[in-house]
Amino acid sequence: MKKISLKSLVWKEGKYYVSRALSLDISSFGKTRREALKNLVEAIELYLENAPKFKAVKISRPSIVDSVVTYA
């Protein structure tokens, strides 16, 4: 078995917590932060079982930046 290290983002949205792997386009949710992260790990494991070749995008020192967008 191979091990990889991924950075994840967790935030509260309504009454649930959402978790997202930054290197993969995979997310999950749960009633608590812990449950959201546990569910994310499970989703990633299921994804990797079926992925022919996996190569994570390395993200170092991510930061949250506020942006203002104008739209119609």
N, C-alpha and C. Protein backbone atom coordinates (compact mmCIF):
# COMPACT_ATOMS: atom_id res chain seq x y z
N MET A 1 0.83 -1.19 0.00
CA MET A 1 0.00 0.00 0.00
C MET A 1 0.87 1.24 0.00
N LYS A 2 0.42 2.23 -0.74
CA LYS A 2 1.12 3.50 -0.79
C LYS A 2 0.44 4.50 0.12
N LYS A 3 1.22 5.44 0.62
CA LYS A 3 0.68 6.51 1.45
C LYS A 3 0.96 7.84 0.76
N ILE A 4 -0.01 8.73 0.81
CA ILE A 4 0.20 10.09 0.29
C ILE A 4 -0.29 11.07 1.35
N SER A 5 0.24 12.25 1.29
CA SER A 5 -0.16 13.31 2.21
C SER A 5 -0.88 14.39 1.40
N LEU A 6 -2.09 14.72 1.81
CA LEU A 6 -2.89 15.72 1.10
C LEU A 6 -3.33 16.82 2.07
N LYS A 7 -3.45 18.01 1.54
CA LYS A 7 -3.98 19.12 2.33
C LYS A 7 -5.47 19.23 2.04
N SER A 8 -6.25 19.46 3.09
CA SER A 8 -7.69 19.56 2.96
C SER A 8 -8.19 20.86 3.57
N LEU A 9 -9.32 21.30 3.09
CA LEU A 9 -9.97 22.50 3.58
C LEU A 9 -11.30 22.09 4.19
N VAL A 10 -11.64 22.62 5.36
CA VAL A 10 -12.90 22.30 6.02
C VAL A 10 -13.58 23.61 6.41
N TRP A 11 -14.88 23.71 6.13
CA TRP A 11 -15.63 24.88 6.51
C TRP A 11 -17.06 24.49 6.85
N LYS A 12 -17.75 25.37 7.57
CA LYS A 12 -19.13 25.10 7.95
C LYS A 12 -20.04 25.77 6.93
N GLU A 13 -21.00 24.99 6.45
CA GLU A 13 -21.97 25.49 5.48
C GLU A 13 -23.35 25.10 5.98
N GLY A 14 -24.07 26.06 6.51
CA GLY A 14 -25.36 25.75 7.13
C GLY A 14 -25.14 24.93 8.38
N LYS A 15 -25.82 23.77 8.49
CA LYS A 15 -25.63 22.94 9.68
C LYS A 15 -24.62 21.82 9.46
N TYR A 16 -23.96 21.78 8.31
CA TYR A 16 -22.98 20.73 8.00
C TYR A 16 -21.59 21.32 7.80
N TYR A 17 -20.59 20.47 7.97
CA TYR A 17 -19.21 20.82 7.65
C TYR A 17 -18.87 20.20 6.31
N VAL A 18 -18.18 20.96 5.48
CA VAL A 18 -17.76 20.49 4.16
C VAL A 18 -16.25 20.35 4.19
N SER A 19 -15.75 19.26 3.62
CA SER A 19 -14.30 19.05 3.54
C SER A 19 -13.95 18.83 2.07
N ARG A 20 -12.80 19.38 1.65
CA ARG A 20 -12.37 19.27 0.27
C ARG A 20 -10.87 19.04 0.21
N ALA A 21 -10.47 18.06 -0.56
CA ALA A 21 -9.04 17.81 -0.79
C ALA A 21 -8.57 18.82 -1.83
N LEU A 22 -7.56 19.59 -1.50
CA LEU A 22 -7.10 20.64 -2.41
C LEU A 22 -6.41 20.10 -3.66
N SER A 23 -5.74 18.96 -3.55
CA SER A 23 -5.01 18.40 -4.69
C SER A 23 -5.90 17.59 -5.63
N LEU A 24 -7.07 17.22 -5.16
CA LEU A 24 -8.00 16.41 -5.94
C LEU A 24 -9.33 17.13 -6.00
N ASP A 25 -10.12 16.81 -6.97
CA ASP A 25 -11.45 17.42 -7.06
C ASP A 25 -12.44 16.53 -6.34
N ILE A 26 -12.22 16.34 -5.02
CA ILE A 26 -13.04 15.46 -4.21
C ILE A 26 -13.44 16.21 -2.94
N SER A 27 -14.72 16.08 -2.59
CA SER A 27 -15.19 16.71 -1.36
C SER A 27 -16.21 15.79 -0.68
N SER A 28 -16.51 16.10 0.57
CA SER A 28 -17.49 15.35 1.33
C SER A 28 -18.05 16.27 2.41
N PHE A 29 -18.90 15.73 3.26
CA PHE A 29 -19.48 16.55 4.33
C PHE A 29 -19.85 15.67 5.51
N GLY A 30 -20.18 16.32 6.62
CA GLY A 30 -20.60 15.61 7.82
C GLY A 30 -21.18 16.58 8.82
N LYS A 31 -21.76 16.03 9.88
CA LYS A 31 -22.36 16.87 10.92
C LYS A 31 -21.31 17.56 11.79
N THR A 32 -20.09 17.00 11.83
CA THR A 32 -18.98 17.58 12.59
C THR A 32 -17.76 17.68 11.68
N ARG A 33 -16.76 18.45 12.11
CA ARG A 33 -15.51 18.54 11.33
C ARG A 33 -14.88 17.16 11.20
N ARG A 34 -14.88 16.44 12.31
CA ARG A 34 -14.26 15.11 12.34
C ARG A 34 -14.96 14.17 11.35
N GLU A 35 -16.29 14.19 11.36
CA GLU A 35 -17.05 13.33 10.45
C GLU A 35 -16.82 13.73 8.99
N ALA A 36 -16.76 15.04 8.73
CA ALA A 36 -16.52 15.52 7.36
C ALA A 36 -15.16 15.05 6.86
N LEU A 37 -14.15 15.11 7.72
CA LEU A 37 -12.81 14.67 7.31
C LEU A 37 -12.75 13.15 7.16
N LYS A 38 -13.41 12.42 8.04
CA LYS A 38 -13.47 10.96 7.94
C LYS A 38 -14.14 10.56 6.62
N ASN A 39 -15.24 11.22 6.28
CA ASN A 39 -15.94 10.93 5.04
C ASN A 39 -15.10 11.30 3.82
N LEU A 40 -14.31 12.36 3.94
CA LEU A 40 -13.43 12.76 2.84
C LEU A 40 -12.36 11.70 2.61
N VAL A 41 -11.75 11.20 3.67
CA VAL A 41 -10.74 10.14 3.54
C VAL A 41 -11.34 8.92 2.86
N GLU A 42 -12.54 8.55 3.24
CA GLU A 42 -13.21 7.40 2.62
C GLU A 42 -13.46 7.66 1.13
N ALA A 43 -13.90 8.86 0.78
CA ALA A 43 -14.14 9.20 -0.62
C ALA A 43 -12.85 9.17 -1.43
N ILE A 44 -11.76 9.65 -0.84
CA ILE A 44 -10.46 9.63 -1.53
C ILE A 44 -9.99 8.20 -1.74
N GLU A 45 -10.14 7.36 -0.71
CA GLU A 45 -9.73 5.95 -0.83
C GLU A 45 -10.52 5.25 -1.93
N LEU A 46 -11.82 5.49 -2.00
CA LEU A 46 -12.63 4.89 -3.05
C LEU A 46 -12.22 5.38 -4.44
N TYR A 47 -11.92 6.67 -4.53
CA TYR A 47 -11.46 7.24 -5.79
C TYR A 47 -10.15 6.60 -6.24
N LEU A 48 -9.20 6.48 -5.31
CA LEU A 48 -7.88 5.96 -5.66
C LEU A 48 -7.92 4.48 -6.02
N GLU A 49 -8.88 3.72 -5.48
CA GLU A 49 -9.01 2.31 -5.83
C GLU A 49 -9.27 2.14 -7.32
N ASN A 50 -9.99 3.09 -7.91
CA ASN A 50 -10.38 2.99 -9.31
C ASN A 50 -9.55 3.87 -10.24
N ALA A 51 -8.66 4.67 -9.70
CA ALA A 51 -7.85 5.55 -10.54
C ALA A 51 -6.73 4.73 -11.19
N PRO A 52 -6.61 4.79 -12.52
CA PRO A 52 -5.56 4.02 -13.18
C PRO A 52 -4.16 4.45 -12.74
N LYS A 53 -3.89 5.73 -12.76
CA LYS A 53 -2.62 6.28 -12.28
C LYS A 53 -2.95 7.54 -11.51
N PHE A 54 -2.32 7.68 -10.39
CA PHE A 54 -2.60 8.84 -9.55
C PHE A 54 -1.37 9.70 -9.42
N LYS A 55 -1.55 10.99 -9.63
CA LYS A 55 -0.47 11.93 -9.41
C LYS A 55 -1.08 13.17 -8.75
N ALA A 56 -0.75 13.38 -7.50
CA ALA A 56 -1.29 14.53 -6.76
C ALA A 56 -0.55 15.80 -7.16
N VAL A 57 -1.28 16.88 -7.20
CA VAL A 57 -0.69 18.18 -7.43
C VAL A 57 -0.21 18.69 -6.08
N LYS A 58 1.07 19.02 -5.99
CA LYS A 58 1.61 19.49 -4.71
C LYS A 58 1.20 20.93 -4.47
N ILE A 59 0.60 21.16 -3.32
CA ILE A 59 0.19 22.51 -2.92
C ILE A 59 0.94 22.85 -1.66
N SER A 60 1.81 23.87 -1.75
CA SER A 60 2.54 24.26 -0.55
C SER A 60 2.04 25.61 -0.06
N ARG A 61 1.92 25.69 1.22
CA ARG A 61 1.51 26.90 1.93
C ARG A 61 0.31 27.59 1.29
N PRO A 62 -0.84 26.92 1.25
CA PRO A 62 -2.02 27.57 0.68
C PRO A 62 -2.48 28.72 1.57
N SER A 63 -3.09 29.71 0.97
CA SER A 63 -3.63 30.82 1.74
C SER A 63 -5.01 31.16 1.21
N ILE A 64 -5.82 31.73 2.07
CA ILE A 64 -7.16 32.16 1.68
C ILE A 64 -7.07 33.65 1.36
N VAL A 65 -7.53 34.00 0.18
CA VAL A 65 -7.43 35.38 -0.28
C VAL A 65 -8.84 35.87 -0.63
N ASP A 66 -9.21 37.04 -0.12
CA ASP A 66 -10.50 37.63 -0.44
C ASP A 66 -10.42 38.28 -1.83
N SER A 67 -11.46 38.10 -2.62
CA SER A 67 -11.54 38.70 -3.95
C SER A 67 -12.90 39.35 -4.11
N VAL A 68 -12.94 40.44 -4.87
CA VAL A 68 -14.19 41.11 -5.20
C VAL A 68 -14.44 40.90 -6.68
N VAL A 69 -15.62 40.38 -7.03
CA VAL A 69 -15.96 40.10 -8.41
C VAL A 69 -17.24 40.81 -8.76
N THR A 70 -17.28 41.45 -9.93
CA THR A 70 -18.47 42.13 -10.41
C THR A 70 -19.10 41.26 -11.48
N TYR A 71 -20.41 41.05 -11.39
CA TYR A 71 -21.09 40.23 -12.40
C TYR A 71 -22.48 40.79 -12.64
N ALA A 72 -23.06 40.38 -13.75
CA ALA A 72 -24.40 40.87 -14.12
C ALA A 72 -25.47 39.97 -13.58
